[in-house]
Amino acid sequence: MTLIKSISGIRGTIGGPVSQGLTPLDVVKYAAAYGTWVKTQATDSKLIVIGRDARISGDMVSRLVAATLQGLGLDVCDLGLSTTPTVEMAVPAKKAAGGIILTASHNPKQWNALKLLNATGEFISETDGQQVLASAESEDFDFAPVTKLGQYTTDNAFLKKHIKAILALPLVDVEAIKARNFRVVVDAVNSSGGFAVPQLLEALGVTTVEKLHCEPTGDFAHNPEPLPEHLRDIAKVLEKGGFDLGIVVDPDVDRLALVSENGEMFGEEYTLVAVADYVLKSLGGGNTVSNLSSTRALRDVTEKAGGSYSAAAVGEVNVVTKMKETNAVIGGEGNGGIIYPELHYGRDALVGIALFLTHLAKTGLTVSRLRNSYPNYFISKNKIELTADINTDDVLTKMEQRYAKQPVNTIDGVKIEFDKEWVHLRKSNTEPIIRIYAESDSNSTADYLAQKIIGDIKEIIAAKS
């Protein structure tokens, strides 16, 4: 059993001993810690918005969270089965003091999590997260007397407001999408995207939608992380012909993967690239942001449009912070997470779908031809396991020194650039591992570059022993 405590929330497998898995007692403790933190914030509101994906444990966890918040004297508005971006948008719309999304995102069905939002509907900061963790550790909670318990209400209609806001965006062209008569296959891994994506497509005028794994039972039909090796079912449907596009979302609908009309993967890294390309061309340029482990292709299309690209540390909160600093018109992460600030500062697969379909409609291209219009890069993902006695930070410092003549970024591990190739080294926060991401213009050269860096790390370790 696993329980991972981080600044953005708590994530774990359901069951097991207390503090070793996400048990009911752990859910209550961390919900109470978050609620206690909310009560220290400078806000007149005592409303918390909650929502969940369809995973099997969701209803149980949701009821525990709601009751705990009520016990602290906080009011709860429960969106029920929903999406992460929908909850994020509901928090400021309802003038709430914060929100909790109950989802373990791409993790398998035995996992669940409490993702914590501030009053703007964005993930809480590192400083705030540390306060929540400290509160949970001390269990210094002051629950309300019976006459001051919080109220509980539900709102099952906010997804419609979310979709309406997407349709109202100037860069979403419903008429252009309708005119193309797109035929679309949707794989929602039996979670919230199973109803959210078809509702959006209907609103956009897409009348032919083949639903694959769209029953929100939480019994995931395949590994829920939208990687190529997990998407064989939708690829087979598209390979047979008759459809223009495959759309895949993760359980909480904040990551978007696309499949071409011939069954080939568009590539999660290129979801953001394509949508950013459309936004930049439509606006006549602008700034963009992605994290250090994302493809260089975003930088290429940004600079081609006359804009400026910036890299942020890995993590949505870090990307959002950098987007605000640089006034970016679009940003996100290479895992298919699109952040479009015209709507809200959060990863949102639904707005990504609307913008991508508009782009596809206006270009008149097939999905495969659109993909081929972008610079082609390949990322090799590797890791090296270290023994507990090795100082990981020291190894990264030595790597920084070894490649001091190259452009090096150390805001999140060590990223070394070699012209249009790069390697990013990041240590794990939970185990003695260094993750190694390398990008080049072919799989073989990306792998070679990664192995070269792994060899360097082994040399450094050997020299110290």
Protein backbone atom coordinates (compact mmCIF):
# COMPACT_ATOMS: atom_id res chain seq x y z
CA MET A 1 0.00 0.00 0.00
CA THR A 2 1.19 3.51 -0.79
CA LEU A 3 0.53 6.97 0.64
CA ILE A 4 2.27 9.95 -0.96
CA LYS A 5 2.06 13.30 0.80
CA SER A 6 2.91 16.33 -1.32
CA ILE A 7 2.36 20.07 -1.31
CA SER A 8 -0.47 19.78 -3.84
CA GLY A 9 -2.41 17.10 -2.01
CA ILE A 10 -2.40 13.52 -0.84
CA ARG A 11 -2.42 10.48 -3.08
CA GLY A 12 -2.53 6.81 -2.23
CA THR A 13 -3.92 3.36 -2.76
CA ILE A 14 -7.22 2.58 -1.11
CA GLY A 15 -7.11 0.43 2.02
CA GLY A 16 -4.38 -0.96 4.23
CA PRO A 17 -3.10 0.24 7.61
CA VAL A 18 -3.48 3.91 8.57
CA SER A 19 -0.74 6.12 7.06
CA GLN A 20 0.31 3.35 4.71
CA GLY A 21 -2.56 3.69 2.26
CA LEU A 22 -5.37 6.16 1.62
CA THR A 23 -7.63 4.89 4.40
CA PRO A 24 -10.78 6.67 5.63
CA LEU A 25 -8.81 8.02 8.60
CA ASP A 26 -6.17 9.47 6.27
CA VAL A 27 -8.84 11.06 4.09
CA VAL A 28 -10.42 12.72 7.12
CA LYS A 29 -7.06 13.90 8.50
CA TYR A 30 -5.94 15.60 5.29
CA ALA A 31 -9.38 17.03 4.52
CA ALA A 32 -9.38 18.50 8.04
CA ALA A 33 -5.88 19.91 7.54
CA TYR A 34 -6.92 21.56 4.29
CA GLY A 35 -10.13 22.94 5.82
CA THR A 36 -8.15 24.28 8.77
CA TRP A 37 -5.78 26.04 6.35
CA VAL A 38 -8.70 27.53 4.40
CA LYS A 39 -10.07 29.06 7.60
CA THR A 40 -6.80 30.98 8.05
CA GLN A 41 -7.08 32.64 4.63
CA ALA A 42 -8.27 36.21 4.16
CA THR A 43 -11.66 35.43 2.66
CA ASP A 44 -15.25 36.02 3.70
CA SER A 45 -16.34 32.80 2.03
CA LYS A 46 -16.62 29.53 3.88
CA LEU A 47 -17.68 27.56 0.79
CA ILE A 48 -15.58 24.68 -0.59
CA VAL A 49 -16.34 23.16 -4.00
CA ILE A 50 -15.66 19.44 -4.41
CA GLY A 51 -15.97 17.07 -7.36
CA ARG A 52 -14.69 13.64 -8.32
CA ASP A 53 -13.86 11.39 -11.21
CA ALA A 54 -15.62 8.04 -11.61
CA ARG A 55 -13.13 5.76 -9.88
CA ILE A 56 -14.67 3.10 -7.66
CA SER A 57 -13.63 4.68 -4.35
CA GLY A 58 -14.79 8.15 -5.38
CA ASP A 59 -18.19 8.16 -3.70
CA MET A 60 -16.78 6.93 -0.38
CA VAL A 61 -13.91 9.43 -0.40
CA SER A 62 -16.22 12.26 -1.44
CA ARG A 63 -18.62 11.64 1.45
CA LEU A 64 -15.76 11.52 3.93
CA VAL A 65 -14.33 14.80 2.63
CA ALA A 66 -17.69 16.59 2.59
CA ALA A 67 -18.57 15.51 6.14
CA THR A 68 -15.15 16.52 7.46
CA LEU A 69 -15.39 19.99 5.93
CA GLN A 70 -18.89 20.40 7.33
CA GLY A 71 -17.55 19.36 10.72
CA LEU A 72 -15.14 22.29 10.52
CA GLY A 73 -18.04 24.66 9.89
CA LEU A 74 -17.37 24.98 6.15
CA ASP A 75 -20.11 24.79 3.54
CA VAL A 76 -19.72 22.26 0.73
CA CYS A 77 -20.96 22.44 -2.85
CA ASP A 78 -20.60 19.00 -4.39
CA LEU A 79 -20.41 18.84 -8.21
CA GLY A 80 -20.55 15.05 -8.00
CA LEU A 81 -19.10 13.22 -11.00
CA SER A 82 -17.14 15.94 -12.73
CA THR A 83 -13.78 16.87 -14.25
CA THR A 84 -10.75 18.55 -12.74
CA PRO A 85 -11.03 21.66 -14.95
CA THR A 86 -14.76 21.94 -14.20
CA VAL A 87 -14.09 22.07 -10.46
CA GLU A 88 -11.28 24.57 -11.04
CA MET A 89 -13.65 26.87 -12.92
CA ALA A 90 -16.46 26.45 -10.38
CA VAL A 91 -14.37 27.69 -7.43
CA PRO A 92 -14.05 31.35 -8.54
CA ALA A 93 -17.45 31.28 -10.27
CA LYS A 94 -19.10 30.43 -6.94
CA LYS A 95 -16.80 32.79 -5.01
CA ALA A 96 -15.65 29.82 -2.95
CA ALA A 97 -12.72 29.80 -0.56
CA GLY A 98 -11.20 26.76 -2.26
CA GLY A 99 -11.84 23.37 -3.76
CA ILE A 100 -10.89 19.72 -3.58
CA ILE A 101 -10.79 17.42 -6.59
CA LEU A 102 -11.02 13.75 -5.72
CA THR A 103 -8.99 12.01 -8.40
CA ALA A 104 -5.71 10.20 -8.79
CA SER A 105 -5.54 11.42 -12.39
CA HIS A 106 -3.75 8.83 -14.57
CA ASN A 107 -3.10 6.35 -11.74
CA PRO A 108 -4.85 2.93 -11.82
CA LYS A 109 -8.22 2.31 -10.19
CA GLN A 110 -6.87 1.31 -6.77
CA TRP A 111 -5.56 4.88 -6.33
CA ASN A 112 -7.36 8.03 -5.28
CA ALA A 113 -6.24 11.48 -4.17
CA LEU A 114 -7.25 14.84 -2.75
CA LYS A 115 -6.06 17.64 -5.07
CA LEU A 116 -6.19 20.98 -3.31
CA LEU A 117 -7.22 24.32 -4.83
CA ASN A 118 -7.06 27.90 -3.59
CA ALA A 119 -9.75 30.56 -3.99
CA THR A 120 -8.77 31.24 -7.61
CA GLY A 121 -9.35 27.60 -8.56
CA GLU A 122 -5.63 26.93 -8.98
CA PHE A 123 -3.45 24.43 -7.16
CA ILE A 124 -2.20 25.73 -3.83
CA SER A 125 1.37 27.05 -3.64
CA GLU A 126 4.33 25.22 -2.13
CA THR A 127 4.16 27.46 0.96
CA ASP A 128 0.46 26.79 1.45
CA GLY A 129 0.98 23.09 0.82
CA GLN A 130 3.61 22.92 3.54
CA GLN A 131 1.15 24.53 5.97
CA VAL A 132 -1.47 21.90 5.13
CA LEU A 133 1.02 19.07 5.62
CA ALA A 134 2.18 20.53 8.94
CA SER A 135 -1.42 20.84 10.11
CA ALA A 136 -2.08 17.22 9.19
CA GLU A 137 1.02 16.12 11.05
CA SER A 138 0.05 17.95 14.23
CA GLU A 139 -3.66 17.10 13.95
CA ASP A 140 -4.41 20.43 15.58
CA PHE A 141 -8.02 20.66 14.37
CA ASP A 142 -10.84 22.65 15.97
CA PHE A 143 -14.20 21.28 14.86
CA ALA A 144 -17.41 23.32 14.97
CA PRO A 145 -20.17 22.91 17.56
CA VAL A 146 -23.46 21.40 16.43
CA THR A 147 -25.12 24.77 15.80
CA LYS A 148 -22.34 25.88 13.43
CA LEU A 149 -21.87 22.85 11.21
CA GLY A 150 -21.47 23.60 7.51
CA GLN A 151 -24.20 23.14 4.91
CA TYR A 152 -24.10 20.62 2.06
CA THR A 153 -25.50 21.35 -1.42
CA THR A 154 -25.07 19.81 -4.86
CA ASP A 155 -24.69 21.26 -8.36
CA ASN A 156 -24.94 18.79 -11.23
CA ALA A 157 -25.17 21.48 -13.90
CA PHE A 158 -21.78 23.18 -13.77
CA LEU A 159 -20.31 21.10 -16.59
CA LYS A 160 -22.83 22.77 -18.90
CA LYS A 161 -21.53 26.17 -17.76
CA HIS A 162 -17.98 24.99 -18.41
CA ILE A 163 -18.88 23.93 -21.95
CA LYS A 164 -20.82 27.15 -22.56
CA ALA A 165 -17.74 29.16 -21.56
CA ILE A 166 -15.63 27.15 -24.01
CA LEU A 167 -18.06 27.79 -26.86
CA ALA A 168 -17.99 31.52 -26.07
CA LEU A 169 -14.21 31.75 -26.59
CA PRO A 170 -13.31 33.90 -29.63
CA LEU A 171 -10.92 31.25 -31.00
CA VAL A 172 -13.49 28.43 -30.86
CA ASP A 173 -15.34 28.39 -34.20
CA VAL A 174 -18.38 26.15 -33.88
CA GLU A 175 -19.56 26.83 -37.43
CA ALA A 176 -16.21 25.81 -38.91
CA ILE A 177 -16.29 22.58 -36.89
CA LYS A 178 -19.88 21.82 -37.95
CA ALA A 179 -19.00 22.38 -41.59
CA ARG A 180 -16.28 19.71 -41.51
CA ASN A 181 -18.71 16.97 -40.35
CA PHE A 182 -16.04 15.33 -38.25
CA ARG A 183 -16.40 11.67 -37.35
CA VAL A 184 -14.79 11.09 -33.95
CA VAL A 185 -13.95 8.13 -31.70
CA VAL A 186 -13.72 8.84 -27.95
CA ASP A 187 -11.93 6.69 -25.36
CA ALA A 188 -12.65 7.95 -21.83
CA VAL A 189 -11.35 4.92 -19.88
CA ASN A 190 -14.76 4.52 -18.17
CA SER A 191 -14.51 7.75 -16.19
CA SER A 192 -15.85 11.31 -16.27
CA GLY A 193 -14.75 11.98 -19.83
CA GLY A 194 -17.32 9.39 -20.88
CA PHE A 195 -20.08 11.98 -20.51
CA ALA A 196 -18.09 15.24 -20.55
CA VAL A 197 -16.39 14.78 -23.94
CA PRO A 198 -19.54 13.65 -25.83
CA GLN A 199 -21.47 16.59 -24.34
CA LEU A 200 -18.80 18.98 -25.57
CA LEU A 201 -18.68 17.38 -29.02
CA GLU A 202 -22.46 17.62 -29.35
CA ALA A 203 -22.31 21.31 -28.42
CA LEU A 204 -19.59 21.80 -31.05
CA GLY A 205 -21.78 20.25 -33.74
CA VAL A 206 -19.99 16.91 -34.03
CA THR A 207 -22.82 14.48 -34.74
CA THR A 208 -20.91 11.24 -35.35
CA VAL A 209 -19.26 10.05 -32.15
CA GLU A 210 -18.18 6.47 -31.51
CA LYS A 211 -17.94 5.92 -27.75
CA LEU A 212 -15.30 3.55 -26.48
CA HIS A 213 -15.01 2.86 -22.74
CA CYS A 214 -17.37 5.75 -21.96
CA GLU A 215 -19.43 4.22 -19.16
CA PRO A 216 -18.38 6.10 -15.97
CA THR A 217 -18.10 2.98 -13.82
CA GLY A 218 -14.54 3.64 -12.62
CA ASP A 219 -13.60 0.11 -13.66
CA PHE A 220 -10.92 1.28 -16.06
CA ALA A 221 -10.84 -0.75 -19.29
CA HIS A 222 -7.07 -0.27 -19.63
CA ASN A 223 -4.24 1.53 -17.88
CA PRO A 224 -5.66 5.07 -17.58
CA GLU A 225 -2.46 6.90 -18.53
CA PRO A 226 -3.03 7.88 -22.19
CA LEU A 227 0.21 6.45 -23.56
CA PRO A 228 0.43 4.68 -26.97
CA GLU A 229 0.85 1.23 -25.43
CA HIS A 230 -2.47 1.65 -23.59
CA LEU A 231 -4.49 2.86 -26.56
CA ARG A 232 -4.61 -0.20 -28.80
CA ASP A 233 -8.44 -0.41 -28.72
CA ILE A 234 -9.03 3.04 -30.19
CA ALA A 235 -6.14 2.61 -32.64
CA LYS A 236 -7.77 -0.55 -34.04
CA VAL A 237 -11.07 1.27 -34.58
CA LEU A 238 -9.36 4.09 -36.47
CA GLU A 239 -7.21 1.74 -38.53
CA LYS A 240 -10.39 0.34 -40.10
CA GLY A 241 -11.17 3.76 -41.58
CA GLY A 242 -14.29 5.91 -41.54
CA PHE A 243 -13.23 8.31 -38.77
CA ASP A 244 -11.31 11.58 -38.78
CA LEU A 245 -9.91 11.62 -35.27
CA GLY A 246 -9.54 9.73 -32.01
CA ILE A 247 -9.82 11.60 -28.70
CA VAL A 248 -8.46 10.11 -25.47
CA VAL A 249 -8.66 11.67 -22.00
CA ASP A 250 -7.46 10.52 -18.61
CA PRO A 251 -9.94 9.83 -15.76
CA ASP A 252 -10.24 13.47 -14.60
CA VAL A 253 -10.10 15.02 -18.10
CA ASP A 254 -7.10 17.31 -17.71
CA ARG A 255 -4.89 15.43 -20.18
CA LEU A 256 -5.64 15.08 -23.88
CA ALA A 257 -4.16 12.58 -26.33
CA LEU A 258 -5.10 12.43 -30.00
CA VAL A 259 -5.06 9.61 -32.54
CA SER A 260 -4.81 10.22 -36.28
CA GLU A 261 -7.37 8.98 -38.79
CA ASN A 262 -5.06 6.06 -39.69
CA GLY A 263 -4.69 4.87 -36.10
CA GLU A 264 -1.26 6.42 -35.54
CA MET A 265 -0.64 8.35 -32.33
CA PHE A 266 -0.51 12.13 -32.73
CA GLY A 267 1.74 12.17 -29.67
CA GLU A 268 0.86 13.64 -26.27
CA GLU A 269 3.76 16.07 -26.62
CA TYR A 270 2.21 17.44 -29.80
CA THR A 271 -1.28 18.09 -28.40
CA LEU A 272 0.00 21.34 -26.88
CA VAL A 273 2.18 22.10 -29.91
CA ALA A 274 -0.78 21.94 -32.33
CA VAL A 275 -3.14 23.94 -30.15
CA ALA A 276 -0.45 26.53 -29.43
CA ASP A 277 0.27 26.81 -33.15
CA TYR A 278 -3.38 27.68 -33.78
CA VAL A 279 -3.58 30.18 -30.92
CA LEU A 280 -0.33 31.90 -31.92
CA LYS A 281 -1.32 32.18 -35.58
CA SER A 282 -4.75 33.50 -34.65
CA LEU A 283 -3.35 36.13 -32.29
CA GLY A 284 -0.40 37.09 -34.48
CA GLY A 285 2.11 35.79 -31.95
CA GLY A 286 2.48 35.65 -28.18
CA ASN A 287 4.46 33.94 -25.44
CA THR A 288 4.26 30.29 -24.42
CA VAL A 289 5.40 28.13 -21.50
CA SER A 290 5.90 24.42 -20.93
CA ASN A 291 7.90 22.45 -18.40
CA LEU A 292 11.55 21.50 -18.80
CA SER A 293 10.73 17.92 -19.82
CA SER A 294 8.45 18.93 -22.71
CA THR A 295 9.32 18.89 -26.40
CA ARG A 296 11.35 21.64 -28.05
CA ALA A 297 8.70 21.76 -30.80
CA LEU A 298 6.68 24.26 -28.75
CA ARG A 299 9.65 26.61 -28.71
CA ASP A 300 10.03 26.18 -32.48
CA VAL A 301 6.42 27.09 -33.33
CA THR A 302 6.46 29.95 -30.81
CA GLU A 303 9.59 31.56 -32.23
CA LYS A 304 8.34 31.02 -35.78
CA ALA A 305 5.25 33.05 -34.82
CA GLY A 306 7.44 35.82 -33.39
CA GLY A 307 6.80 34.97 -29.74
CA SER A 308 9.00 34.04 -26.82
CA TYR A 309 9.12 30.61 -25.17
CA SER A 310 9.93 30.03 -21.48
CA ALA A 311 10.54 26.80 -19.56
CA ALA A 312 9.17 26.14 -16.07
CA ALA A 313 9.93 23.54 -13.45
CA VAL A 314 7.84 20.37 -13.75
CA GLY A 315 4.42 20.68 -12.12
CA GLU A 316 1.26 22.52 -13.13
CA VAL A 317 1.60 25.16 -10.40
CA ASN A 318 5.09 26.01 -11.68
CA VAL A 319 3.91 26.28 -15.28
CA VAL A 320 1.03 28.56 -14.25
CA THR A 321 3.38 30.80 -12.24
CA LYS A 322 5.72 31.17 -15.23
CA MET A 323 2.77 31.82 -17.57
CA LYS A 324 1.63 34.68 -15.38
CA GLU A 325 5.18 36.09 -15.18
CA THR A 326 5.57 36.06 -18.97
CA ASN A 327 1.97 36.90 -19.89
CA ALA A 328 1.82 33.69 -21.93
CA VAL A 329 -1.18 33.23 -24.22
CA ILE A 330 -1.01 29.44 -23.88
CA GLY A 331 1.05 26.88 -22.02
CA GLY A 332 0.98 23.47 -20.47
CA GLU A 333 2.88 20.24 -20.15
CA GLY A 334 4.04 17.62 -22.62
CA ASN A 335 1.69 15.03 -21.12
CA GLY A 336 -1.23 16.46 -23.11
CA GLY A 337 -2.03 19.13 -20.52
CA ILE A 338 -3.21 22.36 -22.14
CA ILE A 339 -3.53 25.56 -20.09
CA TYR A 340 -5.44 28.31 -21.90
CA PRO A 341 -5.64 31.37 -19.61
CA GLU A 342 -8.40 32.98 -21.70
CA LEU A 343 -10.60 30.35 -20.00
CA HIS A 344 -8.74 29.55 -16.76
CA TYR A 345 -5.30 28.68 -15.41
CA GLY A 346 -5.57 24.91 -15.29
CA ARG A 347 -4.96 21.93 -17.55
CA ASP A 348 -8.16 21.38 -19.50
CA ALA A 349 -8.69 18.64 -22.09
CA LEU A 350 -12.12 20.03 -23.02
CA VAL A 351 -10.87 23.43 -24.17
CA GLY A 352 -8.00 21.60 -25.87
CA ILE A 353 -10.49 19.56 -27.90
CA ALA A 354 -12.44 22.66 -28.95
CA LEU A 355 -9.33 24.56 -30.02
CA PHE A 356 -7.82 21.56 -31.82
CA LEU A 357 -11.01 20.84 -33.77
CA THR A 358 -11.22 24.49 -34.79
CA HIS A 359 -7.59 24.36 -35.94
CA LEU A 360 -8.19 21.13 -37.86
CA ALA A 361 -11.35 22.53 -39.46
CA LYS A 362 -9.70 25.76 -40.58
CA THR A 363 -6.62 24.06 -42.05
CA GLY A 364 -8.68 21.54 -44.00
CA LEU A 365 -5.97 18.94 -43.32
CA THR A 366 -6.25 15.40 -42.04
CA VAL A 367 -4.90 14.82 -38.54
CA SER A 368 -1.87 12.91 -39.87
CA ARG A 369 -0.98 15.68 -42.33
CA LEU A 370 -1.33 18.29 -39.60
CA ARG A 371 1.01 16.27 -37.38
CA ASN A 372 3.56 16.02 -40.20
CA SER A 373 3.60 19.82 -40.52
CA TYR A 374 5.38 20.17 -37.18
CA PRO A 375 9.06 19.68 -36.30
CA ASN A 376 9.68 16.03 -35.51
CA TYR A 377 11.33 15.26 -32.18
CA PHE A 378 11.53 12.12 -30.09
CA ILE A 379 11.89 11.87 -26.31
CA SER A 380 13.66 8.94 -24.67
CA LYS A 381 12.61 8.38 -21.05
CA ASN A 382 14.99 6.50 -18.77
CA LYS A 383 16.02 6.25 -15.14
CA ILE A 384 19.01 5.17 -13.12
CA GLU A 385 18.57 3.64 -9.67
CA LEU A 386 21.02 4.70 -6.99
CA THR A 387 21.90 3.13 -3.66
CA ALA A 388 20.68 4.90 -0.54
CA ASP A 389 24.18 6.04 0.40
CA ILE A 390 24.63 8.10 -2.79
CA ASN A 391 23.92 11.84 -2.51
CA THR A 392 21.67 12.49 -5.50
CA ASP A 393 22.04 16.27 -5.28
CA ASP A 394 25.82 15.89 -5.36
CA VAL A 395 25.58 13.76 -8.52
CA LEU A 396 23.43 16.41 -10.22
CA THR A 397 25.88 19.15 -9.21
CA LYS A 398 28.74 17.16 -10.70
CA MET A 399 26.78 16.75 -13.95
CA GLU A 400 26.15 20.49 -14.06
CA GLN A 401 29.87 21.10 -13.66
CA ARG A 402 30.79 18.51 -16.28
CA TYR A 403 28.65 20.25 -18.89
CA ALA A 404 29.31 23.84 -17.78
CA LYS A 405 30.21 24.85 -21.35
CA GLN A 406 26.70 23.99 -22.53
CA PRO A 407 23.52 25.96 -21.73
CA VAL A 408 22.38 24.50 -18.40
CA ASN A 409 19.11 25.14 -16.52
CA THR A 410 18.97 24.15 -12.83
CA ILE A 411 15.52 25.36 -11.74
CA ASP A 412 14.36 21.73 -11.59
CA GLY A 413 17.19 19.24 -11.57
CA VAL A 414 19.67 19.76 -14.41
CA LYS A 415 18.71 20.37 -18.04
CA ILE A 416 21.58 20.44 -20.55
CA GLU A 417 21.05 21.73 -24.08
CA PHE A 418 23.01 20.64 -27.16
CA ASP A 419 21.80 22.83 -30.05
CA LYS A 420 18.33 21.33 -30.69
CA GLU A 421 18.89 18.32 -28.47
CA TRP A 422 18.58 18.28 -24.68
CA VAL A 423 18.78 16.06 -21.62
CA HIS A 424 16.85 16.68 -18.40
CA LEU A 425 17.89 15.01 -15.15
CA ARG A 426 15.44 15.03 -12.23
CA LYS A 427 15.67 13.24 -8.91
CA SER A 428 12.67 11.41 -7.51
CA ASN A 429 11.24 12.79 -4.28
CA THR A 430 10.16 9.35 -3.09
CA GLU A 431 12.96 6.96 -4.06
CA PRO A 432 16.71 7.02 -4.91
CA ILE A 433 16.23 7.45 -8.65
CA ILE A 434 17.37 9.98 -11.23
CA ARG A 435 14.97 10.25 -14.16
CA ILE A 436 16.62 11.02 -17.47
CA TYR A 437 14.70 12.54 -20.39
CA ALA A 438 16.53 13.10 -23.68
CA GLU A 439 15.15 14.62 -26.89
CA SER A 440 16.54 14.52 -30.41
CA ASP A 441 15.31 14.26 -34.01
CA SER A 442 15.22 10.45 -33.94
CA ASN A 443 14.54 7.75 -31.40
CA SER A 444 18.00 6.26 -31.84
CA THR A 445 19.87 9.52 -31.23
CA ALA A 446 17.65 10.36 -28.24
CA ASP A 447 18.41 6.91 -26.78
CA TYR A 448 22.12 7.34 -27.52
CA LEU A 449 22.16 10.74 -25.79
CA ALA A 450 20.38 9.31 -22.74
CA GLN A 451 22.83 6.39 -22.52
CA LYS A 452 25.76 8.81 -22.82
CA ILE A 453 24.45 10.76 -19.81
CA ILE A 454 23.79 7.56 -17.85
CA GLY A 455 27.42 6.59 -18.52
CA ASP A 456 28.57 9.96 -17.19
CA ILE A 457 26.53 9.46 -14.00
CA LYS A 458 28.04 6.00 -13.48
CA GLU A 459 31.53 7.49 -13.88
CA ILE A 460 30.76 10.12 -11.23
CA ILE A 461 29.44 7.48 -8.83
CA ALA A 462 32.43 5.21 -9.45
CA ALA A 463 34.87 8.08 -8.80
CA LYS A 464 33.32 8.69 -5.39
CA SER A 465 33.39 5.06 -4.28
